[in-house]
PDB file of N, CA and C in Angstrom:
ATOM      1  N   MET A   1      22.319 -67.337  19.743  1.00  0.00           N
ATOM      2  CA  MET A   1      23.095 -66.386  20.006  1.00  0.00           C
ATOM      3  C   MET A   1      23.892 -66.407  21.550  1.00  0.00           C
ATOM      4  N   ASN A   2      23.341 -67.028  22.340  1.00  0.00           N
ATOM      5  CA  ASN A   2      23.988 -67.097  23.656  1.00  0.00           C
ATOM      6  C   ASN A   2      25.305 -67.325  23.255  1.00  0.00           C
ATOM      7  N   LYS A   3      25.341 -68.577  23.152  1.00  0.00           N
ATOM      8  CA  LYS A   3      27.117 -69.126  22.951  1.00  0.00           C
ATOM      9  C   LYS A   3      27.784 -68.615  22.311  1.00  0.00           C
ATOM     10  N   PHE A   4      26.725 -67.875  20.989  1.00  0.00           N
ATOM     11  CA  PHE A   4      27.684 -66.814  20.394  1.00  0.00           C
ATOM     12  C   PHE A   4      28.423 -65.530  20.901  1.00  0.00           C
ATOM     13  N   SER A   5      27.568 -64.558  21.713  1.00  0.00           N
ATOM     14  CA  SER A   5      27.770 -63.274  22.070  1.00  0.00           C
ATOM     15  C   SER A   5      29.028 -63.688  23.303  1.00  0.00           C
ATOM     16  N   ASN A   6      28.146 -64.997  24.218  1.00  0.00           N
ATOM     17  CA  ASN A   6      29.486 -65.254  25.153  1.00  0.00           C
ATOM     18  C   ASN A   6      31.040 -65.410  24.606  1.00  0.00           C
ATOM     19  N   HIS A   7      31.184 -66.352  23.032  1.00  0.00           N
ATOM     20  CA  HIS A   7      32.458 -66.341  23.155  1.00  0.00           C
ATOM     21  C   HIS A   7      33.276 -65.015  22.553  1.00  0.00           C
ATOM     22  N   LEU A   8      32.141 -64.538  21.847  1.00  0.00           N
ATOM     23  CA  LEU A   8      32.865 -63.649  21.208  1.00  0.00           C
ATOM     24  C   LEU A   8      33.470 -62.513  22.417  1.00  0.00           C
ATOM     25  N   ALA A   9      32.470 -62.082  23.333  1.00  0.00           N
ATOM     26  CA  ALA A   9      33.271 -61.200  24.556  1.00  0.00           C
ATOM     27  C   ALA A   9      34.470 -61.852  24.957  1.00  0.00           C
ATOM     28  N   VAL A  10      34.338 -63.247  25.184  1.00  0.00           N
ATOM     29  CA  VAL A  10      35.368 -63.968  25.756  1.00  0.00           C
ATOM     30  C   VAL A  10      37.035 -63.725  24.603  1.00  0.00           C
ATOM     31  N   ILE A  11      36.181 -64.156  23.229  1.00  0.00           N
ATOM     32  CA  ILE A  11      37.676 -63.945  21.997  1.00  0.00           C
ATOM     33  C   ILE A  11      38.317 -62.191  22.279  1.00  0.00           C
ATOM     34  N   PHE A  12      37.238 -60.952  22.177  1.00  0.00           N
ATOM     35  CA  PHE A  12      37.564 -60.187  22.163  1.00  0.00           C
ATOM     36  C   PHE A  12      38.772 -59.360  23.242  1.00  0.00           C
ATOM     37  N   LEU A  13      37.722 -59.895  23.974  1.00  0.00           N
ATOM     38  CA  LEU A  13      38.781 -59.479  25.669  1.00  0.00           C
ATOM     39  C   LEU A  13      40.079 -59.989  25.688  1.00  0.00           C
ATOM     40  N   MET A  14      40.114 -61.286  25.227  1.00  0.00           N
ATOM     41  CA  MET A  14      41.172 -62.160  24.978  1.00  0.00           C
ATOM     42  C   MET A  14      42.841 -61.952  24.077  1.00  0.00           C
ATOM     43  N   THR A  15      41.545 -61.236  22.886  1.00  0.00           N
ATOM     44  CA  THR A  15      42.437 -60.266  21.967  1.00  0.00           C
ATOM     45  C   THR A  15      43.610 -59.689  22.254  1.00  0.00           C
ATOM     46  N   ILE A  16      42.442 -58.541  23.040  1.00  0.00           N
ATOM     47  CA  ILE A  16      42.955 -57.090  23.872  1.00  0.00           C
ATOM     48  C   ILE A  16      43.697 -57.748  24.734  1.00  0.00           C
ATOM     49  N   ALA A  17      43.958 -58.400  25.687  1.00  0.00           N
ATOM     50  CA  ALA A  17      44.680 -58.430  26.512  1.00  0.00           C
ATOM     51  C   ALA A  17      46.398 -59.474  25.937  1.00  0.00           C
ATOM     52  N   SER A  18      46.190 -60.381  24.498  1.00  0.00           N
ATOM     53  CA  SER A  18      46.986 -60.821  23.793  1.00  0.00           C
ATOM     54  C   SER A  18      48.033 -59.310  23.654  1.00  0.00           C
ATOM     55  N   LEU A  19      47.016 -58.556  23.054  1.00  0.00           N
ATOM     56  CA  LEU A  19      47.932 -57.695  22.267  1.00  0.00           C
ATOM     57  C   LEU A  19      48.818 -56.533  23.259  1.00  0.00           C
ATOM     58  N   ALA A  20      47.913 -56.373  24.730  1.00  0.00           N
ATOM     59  CA  ALA A  20      48.463 -55.732  25.919  1.00  0.00           C
ATOM     60  C   ALA A  20      50.114 -56.428  25.992  1.00  0.00           C
ATOM     61  N   ILE A  21      49.885 -57.428  26.438  1.00  0.00           N
ATOM     62  CA  ILE A  21      51.047 -58.619  27.050  1.00  0.00           C
ATOM     63  C   ILE A  21      52.204 -58.765  25.726  1.00  0.00           C
ATOM     64  N   THR A  22      51.759 -58.650  24.023  1.00  0.00           N
ATOM     65  CA  THR A  22      52.762 -58.620  23.001  1.00  0.00           C
ATOM     66  C   THR A  22      53.328 -57.133  23.443  1.00  0.00           C
ATOM     67  N   GLU A  23      52.614 -56.259  23.660  1.00  0.00           N
ATOM     68  CA  GLU A  23      52.695 -54.733  24.044  1.00  0.00           C
ATOM     69  C   GLU A  23      52.561 -54.277  22.469  1.00  0.00           C
ATOM     70  N   LYS A  24      51.847 -54.675  21.538  1.00  0.00           N
ATOM     71  CA  LYS A  24      51.381 -54.407  20.407  1.00  0.00           C
ATOM     72  C   LYS A  24      50.451 -53.431  20.876  1.00  0.00           C
ATOM     73  N   VAL A  25      49.489 -52.971  21.940  1.00  0.00           N
ATOM     74  CA  VAL A  25      48.513 -51.994  22.556  1.00  0.00           C
ATOM     75  C   VAL A  25      49.138 -51.484  23.545  1.00  0.00           C
ATOM     76  N   SER A  26      48.955 -50.355  23.987  1.00  0.00           N
ATOM     77  CA  SER A  26      48.631 -49.881  25.425  1.00  0.00           C
ATOM     78  C   SER A  26      48.482 -50.839  26.328  1.00  0.00           C
ATOM     79  N   ILE A  27      48.981 -50.571  27.755  1.00  0.00           N
ATOM     80  CA  ILE A  27      48.266 -52.033  28.563  1.00  0.00           C
ATOM     81  C   ILE A  27      46.585 -51.304  28.703  1.00  0.00           C
ATOM     82  N   THR A  28      46.657 -49.880  29.007  1.00  0.00           N
ATOM     83  CA  THR A  28      45.269 -48.843  29.401  1.00  0.00           C
ATOM     84  C   THR A  28      44.525 -49.157  28.083  1.00  0.00           C
ATOM     85  N   VAL A  29      44.556 -50.131  27.121  1.00  0.00           N
ATOM     86  CA  VAL A  29      43.025 -50.614  26.353  1.00  0.00           C
ATOM     87  C   VAL A  29      43.008 -51.145  26.665  1.00  0.00           C
ATOM     88  N   LEU A  30      43.791 -52.549  27.657  1.00  0.00           N
ATOM     89  CA  LEU A  30      42.997 -53.605  28.577  1.00  0.00           C
ATOM     90  C   LEU A  30      42.454 -53.192  29.637  1.00  0.00           C
ATOM     91  N   TYR A  31      43.083 -52.417  30.563  1.00  0.00           N
ATOM     92  CA  TYR A  31      42.251 -51.918  31.927  1.00  0.00           C
ATOM     93  C   TYR A  31      41.061 -51.119  31.375  1.00  0.00           C
ATOM     94  N   TRP A  32      41.256 -51.095  29.912  1.00  0.00           N
ATOM     95  CA  TRP A  32      39.541 -49.122  30.106  1.00  0.00           C
ATOM     96  C   TRP A  32      38.946 -50.664  29.396  1.00  0.00           C
ATOM     97  N   TYR A  33      38.631 -51.364  28.818  1.00  0.00           N
ATOM     98  CA  TYR A  33      37.675 -53.114  28.959  1.00  0.00           C
ATOM     99  C   TYR A  33      37.693 -53.258  29.677  1.00  0.00           C
ATOM    100  N   VAL A  34      38.683 -54.038  30.874  1.00  0.00           N
ATOM    101  CA  VAL A  34      37.138 -54.606  31.335  1.00  0.00           C
ATOM    102  C   VAL A  34      36.983 -53.719  32.773  1.00  0.00           C
ATOM    103  N   GLY A  35      37.681 -52.261  32.485  1.00  0.00           N
ATOM    104  CA  GLY A  35      36.580 -51.348  34.384  1.00  0.00           C
ATOM    105  C   GLY A  35      35.430 -51.570  33.836  1.00  0.00           C
ATOM    106  N   ALA A  36      35.644 -50.472  32.027  1.00  0.00           N
ATOM    107  CA  ALA A  36      34.759 -50.483  31.525  1.00  0.00           C
ATOM    108  C   ALA A  36      32.846 -51.981  31.153  1.00  0.00           C
ATOM    109  N   SER A  37      33.525 -52.774  30.910  1.00  0.00           N
ATOM    110  CA  SER A  37      32.895 -54.080  31.737  1.00  0.00           C
ATOM    111  C   SER A  37      32.671 -54.522  33.307  1.00  0.00           C
ATOM    112  N   PHE A  38      33.532 -54.233  33.817  1.00  0.00           N
ATOM    113  CA  PHE A  38      32.568 -55.017  35.255  1.00  0.00           C
ATOM    114  C   PHE A  38      31.633 -53.307  35.747  1.00  0.00           C
ATOM    115  N   LEU A  39      32.053 -52.574  35.625  1.00  0.00           N
ATOM    116  CA  LEU A  39      30.972 -51.255  35.136  1.00  0.00           C
ATOM    117  C   LEU A  39      29.975 -51.516  34.677  1.00  0.00           C
ATOM    118  N   THR A  40      29.554 -51.936  33.568  1.00  0.00           N
ATOM    119  CA  THR A  40      28.254 -52.273  32.293  1.00  0.00           C
ATOM    120  C   THR A  40      27.966 -53.666  33.268  1.00  0.00           C
ATOM    121  N   PHE A  41      28.737 -54.378  33.843  1.00  0.00           N
ATOM    122  CA  PHE A  41      27.926 -55.834  34.248  1.00  0.00           C
ATOM    123  C   PHE A  41      27.527 -55.087  35.816  1.00  0.00           C
ATOM    124  N   MET A  42      27.825 -54.755  36.490  1.00  0.00           N
ATOM    125  CA  MET A  42      27.474 -54.050  37.910  1.00  0.00           C
ATOM    126  C   MET A  42      26.084 -53.453  37.830  1.00  0.00           C
ATOM    127  N   ILE A  43      25.754 -52.366  36.746  1.00  0.00           N
ATOM    128  CA  ILE A  43      24.610 -51.178  36.835  1.00  0.00           C
ATOM    129  C   ILE A  43      23.610 -52.168  35.817  1.00  0.00           C
ATOM    130  N   TYR A  44      24.096 -53.963  35.270  1.00  0.00           N
ATOM    131  CA  TYR A  44      23.141 -54.523  34.551  1.00  0.00           C
ATOM    132  C   TYR A  44      22.389 -54.927  36.020  1.00  0.00           C
ATOM    133  N   ALA A  45      22.855 -55.367  37.180  1.00  0.00           N
ATOM    134  CA  ALA A  45      22.810 -56.310  38.100  1.00  0.00           C
ATOM    135  C   ALA A  45      22.345 -55.049  38.832  1.00  0.00           C
ATOM    136  N   ILE A  46      22.247 -53.980  38.762  1.00  0.00           N
ATOM    137  CA  ILE A  46      21.500 -52.985  39.904  1.00  0.00           C
ATOM    138  C   ILE A  46      20.357 -52.914  39.086  1.00  0.00           C
ATOM    139  N   ASP A  47      20.192 -52.420  37.809  1.00  0.00           N
ATOM    140  CA  ASP A  47      19.241 -52.155  36.910  1.00  0.00           C
ATOM    141  C   ASP A  47      18.127 -53.977  37.562  1.00  0.00           C
ATOM    142  N   LYS A  48      18.347 -55.126  36.935  1.00  0.00           N
ATOM    143  CA  LYS A  48      17.864 -55.717  37.318  1.00  0.00           C
ATOM    144  C   LYS A  48      17.494 -56.322  38.734  1.00  0.00           C
ATOM    145  N   ARG A  49      17.923 -55.904  39.452  1.00  0.00           N
ATOM    146  CA  ARG A  49      17.192 -55.948  41.618  1.00  0.00           C
ATOM    147  C   ARG A  49      16.884 -54.621  40.934  1.00  0.00           C
ATOM    148  N   LYS A  50      16.297 -53.713  40.146  1.00  0.00           N
ATOM    149  CA  LYS A  50      15.724 -52.735  40.298  1.00  0.00           C
ATOM    150  C   LYS A  50      14.173 -53.496  39.571  1.00  0.00           C
ATOM    151  N   ALA A  51      14.460 -53.523  38.930  1.00  0.00           N
ATOM    152  CA  ALA A  51      13.235 -54.624  37.211  1.00  0.00           C
ATOM    153  C   ALA A  51      12.228 -55.223  38.977  1.00  0.00           C
ATOM    154  N   ILE A  52      13.085 -56.305  39.175  1.00  0.00           N
ATOM    155  CA  ILE A  52      12.189 -56.873  40.628  1.00  0.00           C
ATOM    156  C   ILE A  52      11.727 -56.223  41.421  1.00  0.00           C
ATOM    157  N   LYS A  53      12.257 -55.525  42.256  1.00  0.00           N
ATOM    158  CA  LYS A  53      11.909 -54.580  43.135  1.00  0.00           C
ATOM    159  C   LYS A  53      10.633 -53.712  42.773  1.00  0.00           C
ATOM    160  N   GLY A  54      10.843 -53.562  40.877  1.00  0.00           N
ATOM    161  CA  GLY A  54      10.065 -52.442  40.868  1.00  0.00           C
ATOM    162  C   GLY A  54       9.791 -50.919  40.951  1.00  0.00           C
ATOM    163  N   ARG A  55      11.107 -50.294  41.015  1.00  0.00           N
ATOM    164  CA  ARG A  55      11.984 -49.472  41.574  1.00  0.00           C
ATOM    165  C   ARG A  55      11.747 -48.927  39.576  1.00  0.00           C
ATOM    166  N   TRP A  56      12.715 -47.459  40.026  1.00  0.00           N
ATOM    167  CA  TRP A  56      13.049 -46.752  38.984  1.00  0.00           C
ATOM    168  C   TRP A  56      14.194 -47.570  38.211  1.00  0.00           C
ATOM    169  N   ARG A  57      14.193 -47.043  37.201  1.00  0.00           N
ATOM    170  CA  ARG A  57      15.595 -47.786  36.361  1.00  0.00           C
ATOM    171  C   ARG A  57      16.395 -47.514  35.375  1.00  0.00           C
ATOM    172  N   THR A  58      17.128 -47.791  35.296  1.00  0.00           N
ATOM    173  CA  THR A  58      18.335 -47.534  34.629  1.00  0.00           C
ATOM    174  C   THR A  58      18.035 -47.395  33.141  1.00  0.00           C
ATOM    175  N   PRO A  59      17.650 -45.694  32.626  1.00  0.00           N
ATOM    176  CA  PRO A  59      17.076 -46.195  30.837  1.00  0.00           C
ATOM    177  C   PRO A  59      18.729 -46.514  30.430  1.00  0.00           C
ATOM    178  N   GLU A  60      17.640 -47.313  28.955  1.00  0.00           N
ATOM    179  CA  GLU A  60      17.979 -47.987  28.051  1.00  0.00           C
ATOM    180  C   GLU A  60      19.680 -47.112  27.328  1.00  0.00           C
ATOM    181  N   LYS A  61      19.133 -45.622  26.811  1.00  0.00           N
ATOM    182  CA  LYS A  61      20.137 -45.089  26.703  1.00  0.00           C
ATOM    183  C   LYS A  61      21.367 -45.068  27.363  1.00  0.00           C
ATOM    184  N   ILE A  62      21.746 -44.674  28.712  1.00  0.00           N
ATOM    185  CA  ILE A  62      22.659 -45.244  29.622  1.00  0.00           C
ATOM    186  C   ILE A  62      23.494 -46.439  28.865  1.00  0.00           C
ATOM    187  N   LEU A  63      22.133 -47.393  29.804  1.00  0.00           N
ATOM    188  CA  LEU A  63      22.880 -49.477  29.090  1.00  0.00           C
ATOM    189  C   LEU A  63      23.709 -48.939  27.785  1.00  0.00           C
ATOM    190  N   HIS A  64      22.873 -48.145  26.642  1.00  0.00           N
ATOM    191  CA  HIS A  64      23.241 -48.513  25.580  1.00  0.00           C
ATOM    192  C   HIS A  64      25.972 -48.084  25.530  1.00  0.00           C
ATOM    193  N   ILE A  65      24.612 -46.649  25.801  1.00  0.00           N
ATOM    194  CA  ILE A  65      26.072 -45.659  25.936  1.00  0.00           C
ATOM    195  C   ILE A  65      27.731 -46.429  26.699  1.00  0.00           C
ATOM    196  N   LEU A  66      27.488 -47.468  27.490  1.00  0.00           N
ATOM    197  CA  LEU A  66      28.194 -48.204  27.910  1.00  0.00           C
ATOM    198  C   LEU A  66      28.983 -48.812  27.527  1.00  0.00           C
ATOM    199  N   ALA A  67      27.933 -49.567  26.544  1.00  0.00           N
ATOM    200  CA  ALA A  67      28.659 -50.538  25.920  1.00  0.00           C
ATOM    201  C   ALA A  67      29.111 -50.053  24.369  1.00  0.00           C
ATOM    202  N   PHE A  68      28.778 -48.487  24.454  1.00  0.00           N
ATOM    203  CA  PHE A  68      29.010 -48.143  23.111  1.00  0.00           C
ATOM    204  C   PHE A  68      30.677 -47.937  23.008  1.00  0.00           C
ATOM    205  N   VAL A  69      31.157 -47.404  24.642  1.00  0.00           N
ATOM    206  CA  VAL A  69      32.800 -47.358  24.743  1.00  0.00           C
ATOM    207  C   VAL A  69      33.836 -48.286  25.345  1.00  0.00           C
ATOM    208  N   GLY A  70      32.278 -49.040  25.588  1.00  0.00           N
ATOM    209  CA  GLY A  70      33.744 -50.473  25.931  1.00  0.00           C
ATOM    210  C   GLY A  70      33.158 -51.191  26.209  1.00  0.00           C
ATOM    211  N   GLY A  71      31.710 -50.870  27.357  1.00  0.00           N
ATOM    212  CA  GLY A  71      31.230 -52.068  28.383  1.00  0.00           C
ATOM    213  C   GLY A  71      30.480 -53.144  27.340  1.00  0.00           C
ATOM    214  N   TRP A  72      30.980 -53.221  26.371  1.00  0.00           N
ATOM    215  CA  TRP A  72      29.487 -54.301  26.085  1.00  0.00           C
ATOM    216  C   TRP A  72      30.103 -56.436  26.215  1.00  0.00           C
ATOM    217  N   PRO A  73      31.424 -56.337  26.879  1.00  0.00           N
ATOM    218  CA  PRO A  73      31.626 -58.151  27.132  1.00  0.00           C
ATOM    219  C   PRO A  73      31.295 -57.815  28.353  1.00  0.00           C
ATOM    220  N   GLY A  74      30.947 -56.668  29.631  1.00  0.00           N
ATOM    221  CA  GLY A  74      30.242 -57.378  30.442  1.00  0.00           C
ATOM    222  C   GLY A  74      28.879 -57.225  30.471  1.00  0.00           C
ATOM    223  N   ALA A  75      28.606 -56.240  29.508  1.00  0.00           N
ATOM    224  CA  ALA A  75      27.088 -56.310  28.755  1.00  0.00           C
ATOM    225  C   ALA A  75      26.425 -58.281  28.770  1.00  0.00           C
ATOM    226  N   VAL A  76      27.226 -58.491  27.896  1.00  0.00           N
ATOM    227  CA  VAL A  76      27.086 -59.751  26.988  1.00  0.00           C
ATOM    228  C   VAL A  76      26.366 -60.642  27.995  1.00  0.00           C
ATOM    229  N   ILE A  77      27.630 -60.633  28.939  1.00  0.00           N
ATOM    230  CA  ILE A  77      27.995 -61.776  30.392  1.00  0.00           C
ATOM    231  C   ILE A  77      26.236 -61.593  30.829  1.00  0.00           C
ATOM    232  N   ALA A  78      25.935 -59.809  31.958  1.00  0.00           N
ATOM    233  CA  ALA A  78      25.320 -59.549  32.396  1.00  0.00           C
ATOM    234  C   ALA A  78      23.881 -60.351  31.335  1.00  0.00           C
ATOM    235  N   GLN A  79      23.884 -59.670  30.469  1.00  0.00           N
ATOM    236  CA  GLN A  79      22.234 -60.175  29.423  1.00  0.00           C
ATOM    237  C   GLN A  79      21.879 -61.918  29.772  1.00  0.00           C
ATOM    238  N   GLN A  80      23.451 -62.821  29.606  1.00  0.00           N
ATOM    239  CA  GLN A  80      23.401 -63.693  30.060  1.00  0.00           C
ATOM    240  C   GLN A  80      22.843 -64.619  31.450  1.00  0.00           C
ATOM    241  N   LEU A  81      23.837 -64.049  32.591  1.00  0.00           N
ATOM    242  CA  LEU A  81      24.347 -64.303  33.410  1.00  0.00           C
ATOM    243  C   LEU A  81      22.479 -64.176  34.210  1.00  0.00           C
ATOM    244  N   LEU A  82      22.325 -62.885  34.009  1.00  0.00           N
ATOM    245  CA  LEU A  82      21.243 -62.273  34.894  1.00  0.00           C
ATOM    246  C   LEU A  82      19.869 -62.404  34.091  1.00  0.00           C
ATOM    247  N   ARG A  83      20.045 -62.711  32.763  1.00  0.00           N
ATOM    248  CA  ARG A  83      18.819 -62.953  32.071  1.00  0.00           C
ATOM    249  C   ARG A  83      17.864 -61.894  32.310  1.00  0.00           C
ATOM    250  N   HIS A  84      19.125 -60.929  32.153  1.00  0.00           N
ATOM    251  CA  HIS A  84      18.292 -58.796  31.942  1.00  0.00           C
ATOM    252  C   HIS A  84      18.874 -58.552  30.756  1.00  0.00           C
ATOM    253  N   LYS A  85      17.077 -57.779  29.793  1.00  0.00           N
ATOM    254  CA  LYS A  85      17.830 -56.979  28.729  1.00  0.00           C
ATOM    255  C   LYS A  85      18.240 -58.367  27.405  1.00  0.00           C
ATOM    256  N   SER A  86      17.698 -59.282  27.926  1.00  0.00           N
ATOM    257  CA  SER A  86      18.244 -60.478  27.153  1.00  0.00           C
ATOM    258  C   SER A  86      16.733 -60.459  25.748  1.00  0.00           C
ATOM    259  N   GLN A  87      15.631 -60.540  25.819  1.00  0.00           N
ATOM    260  CA  GLN A  87      14.095 -60.484  25.435  1.00  0.00           C
ATOM    261  C   GLN A  87      14.078 -59.475  24.283  1.00  0.00           C
ATOM    262  N   LYS A  88      13.916 -58.613  25.069  1.00  0.00           N
ATOM    263  CA  LYS A  88      13.378 -57.157  24.035  1.00  0.00           C
ATOM    264  C   LYS A  88      13.988 -56.992  22.862  1.00  0.00           C
ATOM    265  N   ARG A  89      13.732 -57.237  21.991  1.00  0.00           N
ATOM    266  CA  ARG A  89      14.198 -57.304  19.907  1.00  0.00           C
ATOM    267  C   ARG A  89      14.568 -55.453  20.398  1.00  0.00           C
ATOM    268  N   SER A  90      13.976 -54.475  20.461  1.00  0.00           N
ATOM    269  CA  SER A  90      14.278 -52.917  19.934  1.00  0.00           C
ATOM    270  C   SER A  90      15.558 -53.111  20.882  1.00  0.00           C
ATOM    271  N   PHE A  91      15.361 -53.056  22.118  1.00  0.00           N
ATOM    272  CA  PHE A  91      17.193 -53.225  22.633  1.00  0.00           C
ATOM    273  C   PHE A  91      17.949 -53.745  21.802  1.00  0.00           C
ATOM    274  N   ARG A  92      17.876 -55.153  22.128  1.00  0.00           N
ATOM    275  CA  ARG A  92      18.836 -56.357  21.618  1.00  0.00           C
ATOM    276  C   ARG A  92      19.617 -55.588  19.986  1.00  0.00           C
ATOM    277  N   PHE A  93      18.852 -54.973  19.311  1.00  0.00           N
ATOM    278  CA  PHE A  93      19.371 -54.317  17.872  1.00  0.00           C
ATOM    279  C   PHE A  93      20.138 -53.085  18.459  1.00  0.00           C
ATOM    280  N   LYS A  94      19.769 -52.028  18.520  1.00  0.00           N
ATOM    281  CA  LYS A  94      20.254 -51.285  18.790  1.00  0.00           C
ATOM    282  C   LYS A  94      22.013 -51.317  20.222  1.00  0.00           C
ATOM    283  N   PHE A  95      21.807 -52.809  20.824  1.00  0.00           N
ATOM    284  CA  PHE A  95      22.971 -53.447  21.799  1.00  0.00           C
ATOM    285  C   PHE A  95      24.038 -54.067  20.237  1.00  0.00           C
ATOM    286  N   TRP A  96      23.145 -54.765  19.920  1.00  0.00           N
ATOM    287  CA  TRP A  96      24.257 -55.135  18.846  1.00  0.00           C
ATOM    288  C   TRP A  96      25.157 -54.439  18.203  1.00  0.00           C
ATOM    289  N   LEU A  97      24.426 -52.998  17.886  1.00  0.00           N
ATOM    290  CA  LEU A  97      24.814 -52.252  16.869  1.00  0.00           C
ATOM    291  C   LEU A  97      25.831 -51.306  17.498  1.00  0.00           C
ATOM    292  N   THR A  98      26.046 -51.072  18.924  1.00  0.00           N
ATOM    293  CA  THR A  98      26.240 -50.601  19.578  1.00  0.00           C
ATOM    294  C   THR A  98      28.116 -51.945  19.677  1.00  0.00           C
ATOM    295  N   VAL A  99      27.785 -52.055  19.912  1.00  0.00           N
ATOM    296  CA  VAL A  99      29.237 -53.558  19.521  1.00  0.00           C
ATOM    297  C   VAL A  99      29.933 -53.357  17.786  1.00  0.00           C
ATOM    298  N   VAL A 100      29.449 -53.511  17.297  1.00  0.00           N
ATOM    299  CA  VAL A 100      29.371 -53.618  15.886  1.00  0.00           C
ATOM    300  C   VAL A 100      30.446 -52.220  16.010  1.00  0.00           C
ATOM    301  N   ILE A 101      29.750 -51.347  15.816  1.00  0.00           N
ATOM    302  CA  ILE A 101      30.636 -49.806  16.018  1.00  0.00           C
ATOM    303  C   ILE A 101      31.415 -50.111  16.682  1.00  0.00           C
ATOM    304  N   ASN A 102      31.993 -51.060  17.858  1.00  0.00           N
ATOM    305  CA  ASN A 102      33.163 -50.033  18.990  1.00  0.00           C
ATOM    306  C   ASN A 102      33.627 -51.178  17.863  1.00  0.00           C
ATOM    307  N   ILE A 103      33.736 -51.973  18.491  1.00  0.00           N
ATOM    308  CA  ILE A 103      34.476 -53.847  17.494  1.00  0.00           C
ATOM    309  C   ILE A 103      35.192 -52.556  16.105  1.00  0.00           C
ATOM    310  N   GLY A 104      34.826 -52.295  15.319  1.00  0.00           N
ATOM    311  CA  GLY A 104      34.860 -51.519  14.074  1.00  0.00           C
ATOM    312  C   GLY A 104      35.811 -50.833  14.491  1.00  0.00           C
ATOM    313  N   VAL A 105      35.438 -48.683  15.589  1.00  0.00           N
ATOM    314  CA  VAL A 105      36.070 -48.230  15.937  1.00  0.00           C
ATOM    315  C   VAL A 105      37.501 -48.433  16.362  1.00  0.00           C
ATOM    316  N   SER A 106      37.456 -49.526  17.882  1.00  0.00           N
ATOM    317  CA  SER A 106      39.189 -50.115  17.873  1.00  0.00           C
ATOM    318  C   SER A 106      39.763 -50.949  17.264  1.00  0.00           C
ATOM    319  N   GLY A 107      38.719 -51.742  16.095  1.00  0.00           N
ATOM    320  CA  GLY A 107      40.110 -52.008  15.108  1.00  0.00           C
ATOM    321  C   GLY A 107      40.079 -51.475  14.119  1.00  0.00           C
ATOM    322  N   TRP A 108      40.009 -50.031  13.614  1.00  0.00           N
ATOM    323  CA  TRP A 108      40.692 -49.128  12.827  1.00  0.00           C
ATOM    324  C   TRP A 108      41.297 -48.774  13.318  1.00  0.00           C
ATOM    325  N   LEU A 109      41.031 -48.340  14.946  1.00  0.00           N
ATOM    326  CA  LEU A 109      42.157 -47.994  15.888  1.00  0.00           C
ATOM    327  C   LEU A 109      43.356 -48.218  16.003  1.00  0.00           C
ATOM    328  N   LEU A 110      43.418 -49.432  16.160  1.00  0.00           N
ATOM    329  CA  LEU A 110      44.734 -50.288  16.256  1.00  0.00           C
ATOM    330  C   LEU A 110      44.708 -50.877  15.390  1.00  0.00           C
ATOM    331  N   TRP A 111      45.211 -51.034  14.552  1.00  0.00           N
ATOM    332  CA  TRP A 111      45.584 -51.445  13.054  1.00  0.00           C
ATOM    333  C   TRP A 111      45.791 -50.481  11.957  1.00  0.00           C
ATOM    334  N   SER A 112      45.415 -49.362  11.580  1.00  0.00           N
ATOM    335  CA  SER A 112      45.671 -48.143  10.804  1.00  0.00           C
ATOM    336  C   SER A 112      46.210 -47.460  11.715  1.00  0.00           C
ATOM    337  N   LYS A 113      47.731 -47.944  12.097  1.00  0.00           N
ATOM    338  CA  LYS A 113      48.275 -46.707  13.174  1.00  0.00           C
ATOM    339  C   LYS A 113      48.170 -45.726  13.459  1.00  0.00           C
ATOM    340  N   ASN A 114      46.792 -45.681  13.898  1.00  0.00           N
ATOM    341  CA  ASN A 114      45.894 -44.662  14.802  1.00  0.00           C
ATOM    342  C   ASN A 114      46.099 -45.017  16.546  1.00  0.00           C
ATOM    343  N   GLU A 115      46.822 -45.855  16.957  1.00  0.00           N
ATOM    344  CA  GLU A 115      46.527 -46.596  18.011  1.00  0.00           C
ATOM    345  C   GLU A 115      47.708 -45.224  19.323  1.00  0.00           C
ATOM    346  N   ARG A 116      47.385 -44.048  18.427  1.00  0.00           N
ATOM    347  CA  ARG A 116      48.071 -43.365  19.579  1.00  0.00           C
ATOM    348  C   ARG A 116      47.536 -42.380  19.510  1.00  0.00           C
ATOM    349  N   PHE A 117      46.079 -42.607  18.776  1.00  0.00           N
ATOM    350  CA  PHE A 117      44.936 -41.717  19.533  1.00  0.00           C
ATOM    351  C   PHE A 117      43.934 -42.265  19.599  1.00  0.00           C
ATOM    352  N   PHE A 118      44.530 -43.271  19.870  1.00  0.00           N
ATOM    353  CA  PHE A 118      43.384 -44.739  20.338  1.00  0.00           C
ATOM    354  C   PHE A 118      43.726 -44.358  22.675  1.00  0.00           C
ATOM    355  N   ASP A 119      45.239 -44.303  22.708  1.00  0.00           N
ATOM    356  CA  ASP A 119      45.579 -43.407  23.947  1.00  0.00           C
ATOM    357  C   ASP A 119      45.439 -42.672  24.439  1.00  0.00           C
ATOM    358  N   ILE A 120      45.410 -41.630  23.059  1.00  0.00           N
ATOM    359  CA  ILE A 120      44.992 -40.354  24.102  1.00  0.00           C
ATOM    360  C   ILE A 120      43.416 -40.104  24.411  1.00  0.00           C
ATOM    361  N   LEU A 121      42.727 -41.020  23.301  1.00  0.00           N
ATOM    362  CA  LEU A 121      41.145 -40.935  24.247  1.00  0.00           C
ATOM    363  C   LEU A 121      41.546 -41.676  25.463  1.00  0.00           C
ATOM    364  N   LEU A 122      42.128 -42.000  25.960  1.00  0.00           N
ATOM    365  CA  LEU A 122      41.965 -42.852  27.558  1.00  0.00           C
ATOM    366  C   LEU A 122      42.704 -42.248  28.025  1.00  0.00           C
TER     367      LEU A 122
END
């Protein structure tokens, strides 16, 4: 699953970048995914540090919300690089559910002539 998830995140971001470069989607969409991914990665890193130090942790619900709104590529990279939140089965199931929903909704908005709605959301 490690290689698949990393490849999926990179391919997804490259696809969004290609669509933005060719002006098929607004550059804002690319900025959104890159920014959300960076933020999510940083929150995973902070949560990992808190886990090591035995401090208060970021609720899993927050991590799932961040993944759902577009931060899932950053979460995938954080899970692999930091080895954080990559073992707990219930977390992984919910995480991948948010990824599938995000990709599905994004695909529908971008390819069903609803890209203006996507821009309005952002």
